[in-house]
Amino acid sequence: YTPAFERLGLDVQTGWVAHELLHIALRHGPRYRALQRRLGDVDLALFNRCADAVVNSALAPAAWLALPAQALTLPQLVFPPQTLSARKSNTKPSEVTGSLVR
């Protein structure tokens, strides 16, 4: 770790360590390699964003740690801010989903 890590509060340090440990526990590295073997070309950046959202969503309810403000969660990944207003205005789910895939 770096001096910048040392300057973080204990709750944030705990959040970072728990985040990395959960990636290991969920076997994200081996899962990525298995996906590559099965599909060929896999977008590593997209896989990492999805894996981070899973990890952060699992850790978010824990009161004994803090995640960075920019930590991506599953609701943010599935329903980015531009789609949230559509959800609140009774837009059909298929219309929201369509905007995510385009």
Protein backbone atom coordinates (compact mmCIF):
# COMPACT_ATOMS: atom_id res chain seq x y z
CA TYR A 1 0.00 0.00 0.00
CA THR A 2 1.00 3.64 -0.37
CA PRO A 3 1.21 6.69 1.91
CA ALA A 4 -2.12 7.83 0.42
CA PHE A 5 -3.70 4.61 1.75
CA GLU A 6 -2.24 5.30 5.20
CA ARG A 7 -3.94 8.72 5.23
CA LEU A 8 -7.39 7.18 4.73
CA GLY A 9 -9.64 6.60 7.71
CA LEU A 10 -9.71 3.10 9.16
CA ASP A 11 -13.24 2.50 7.84
CA VAL A 12 -12.16 3.37 4.28
CA GLN A 13 -9.00 1.25 4.57
CA THR A 14 -11.19 -1.62 5.76
CA GLY A 15 -13.51 -1.06 2.81
CA TRP A 16 -10.63 -1.21 0.30
CA VAL A 17 -9.20 -4.39 1.81
CA ALA A 18 -12.63 -6.05 2.07
CA HIS A 19 -13.28 -5.09 -1.57
CA GLU A 20 -10.09 -6.77 -2.78
CA LEU A 21 -10.60 -9.83 -0.58
CA LEU A 22 -14.12 -10.32 -1.88
CA HIS A 23 -12.80 -10.27 -5.47
CA ILE A 24 -10.52 -13.16 -4.44
CA ALA A 25 -13.26 -15.00 -2.54
CA LEU A 26 -15.63 -14.72 -5.50
CA ARG A 27 -12.82 -15.96 -7.79
CA HIS A 28 -13.19 -13.08 -10.23
CA GLY A 29 -9.75 -13.68 -11.78
CA PRO A 30 -10.38 -17.37 -12.57
CA ARG A 31 -13.93 -16.57 -13.70
CA TYR A 32 -12.61 -13.98 -16.16
CA ARG A 33 -10.10 -16.47 -17.59
CA ALA A 34 -12.80 -19.16 -17.87
CA LEU A 35 -15.06 -16.70 -19.68
CA GLN A 36 -12.19 -15.88 -22.07
CA ARG A 37 -11.66 -19.58 -22.81
CA ARG A 38 -15.37 -20.04 -23.46
CA LEU A 39 -16.11 -16.89 -25.47
CA GLY A 40 -12.75 -15.73 -26.79
CA ASP A 41 -12.60 -11.94 -26.77
CA VAL A 42 -13.94 -10.62 -23.45
CA ASP A 43 -13.96 -6.93 -22.54
CA LEU A 44 -11.76 -6.78 -19.42
CA ALA A 45 -12.86 -3.23 -18.52
CA LEU A 46 -16.53 -4.24 -18.65
CA PHE A 47 -15.86 -7.43 -16.66
CA ASN A 48 -14.04 -5.39 -14.00
CA ARG A 49 -16.87 -2.84 -13.76
CA CYS A 50 -19.42 -5.62 -13.33
CA ALA A 51 -17.27 -7.45 -10.77
CA ASP A 52 -16.74 -4.19 -8.85
CA ALA A 53 -20.50 -3.56 -8.83
CA VAL A 54 -21.13 -7.04 -7.40
CA VAL A 55 -18.46 -6.62 -4.71
CA ASN A 56 -19.51 -3.08 -3.75
CA SER A 57 -23.19 -4.05 -3.60
CA ALA A 58 -22.35 -6.91 -1.25
CA LEU A 59 -20.26 -4.64 0.99
CA ALA A 60 -22.46 -1.52 0.94
CA PRO A 61 -24.76 -2.56 3.82
CA ALA A 62 -21.81 -3.23 6.17
CA ALA A 63 -21.72 -0.53 8.83
CA TRP A 64 -18.13 -1.36 9.86
CA LEU A 65 -16.56 -0.14 6.60
CA ALA A 66 -16.83 2.68 4.12
CA LEU A 67 -16.66 2.48 0.35
CA PRO A 68 -15.26 5.35 -1.71
CA ALA A 69 -17.89 7.80 -2.95
CA GLN A 70 -17.25 6.70 -6.55
CA ALA A 71 -17.84 2.99 -5.77
CA LEU A 72 -20.09 1.51 -8.45
CA THR A 73 -23.02 -0.65 -7.27
CA LEU A 74 -25.40 -2.93 -9.17
CA PRO A 75 -28.31 -0.45 -9.22
CA GLN A 76 -25.99 2.21 -10.67
CA LEU A 77 -24.69 -0.24 -13.28
CA VAL A 78 -28.11 -1.53 -14.32
CA PHE A 79 -29.92 1.80 -14.06
CA PRO A 80 -27.45 4.65 -14.74
CA PRO A 81 -28.67 8.14 -13.75
CA GLN A 82 -30.07 8.88 -17.23
CA THR A 83 -32.39 5.85 -16.96
CA LEU A 84 -33.56 6.53 -13.40
CA SER A 85 -35.75 9.43 -14.48
CA ALA A 86 -37.30 7.14 -17.10
CA ARG A 87 -38.04 4.53 -14.42
CA LYS A 88 -39.72 7.12 -12.20
CA SER A 89 -41.94 8.32 -15.04
CA ASN A 90 -43.63 4.90 -15.43
CA THR A 91 -41.72 4.06 -18.58
CA LYS A 92 -42.07 0.43 -19.65
CA PRO A 93 -39.15 -1.76 -18.47
CA SER A 94 -38.44 -2.79 -22.08
CA GLU A 95 -37.93 0.88 -23.03
CA VAL A 96 -35.41 1.34 -20.19
CA THR A 97 -33.60 -1.90 -21.03
CA GLY A 98 -33.41 -0.89 -24.68
CA SER A 99 -31.64 2.34 -23.74
CA LEU A 100 -29.04 0.37 -21.81
CA VAL A 101 -28.09 -1.87 -24.71
CA ARG A 102 -27.79 0.79 -27.38
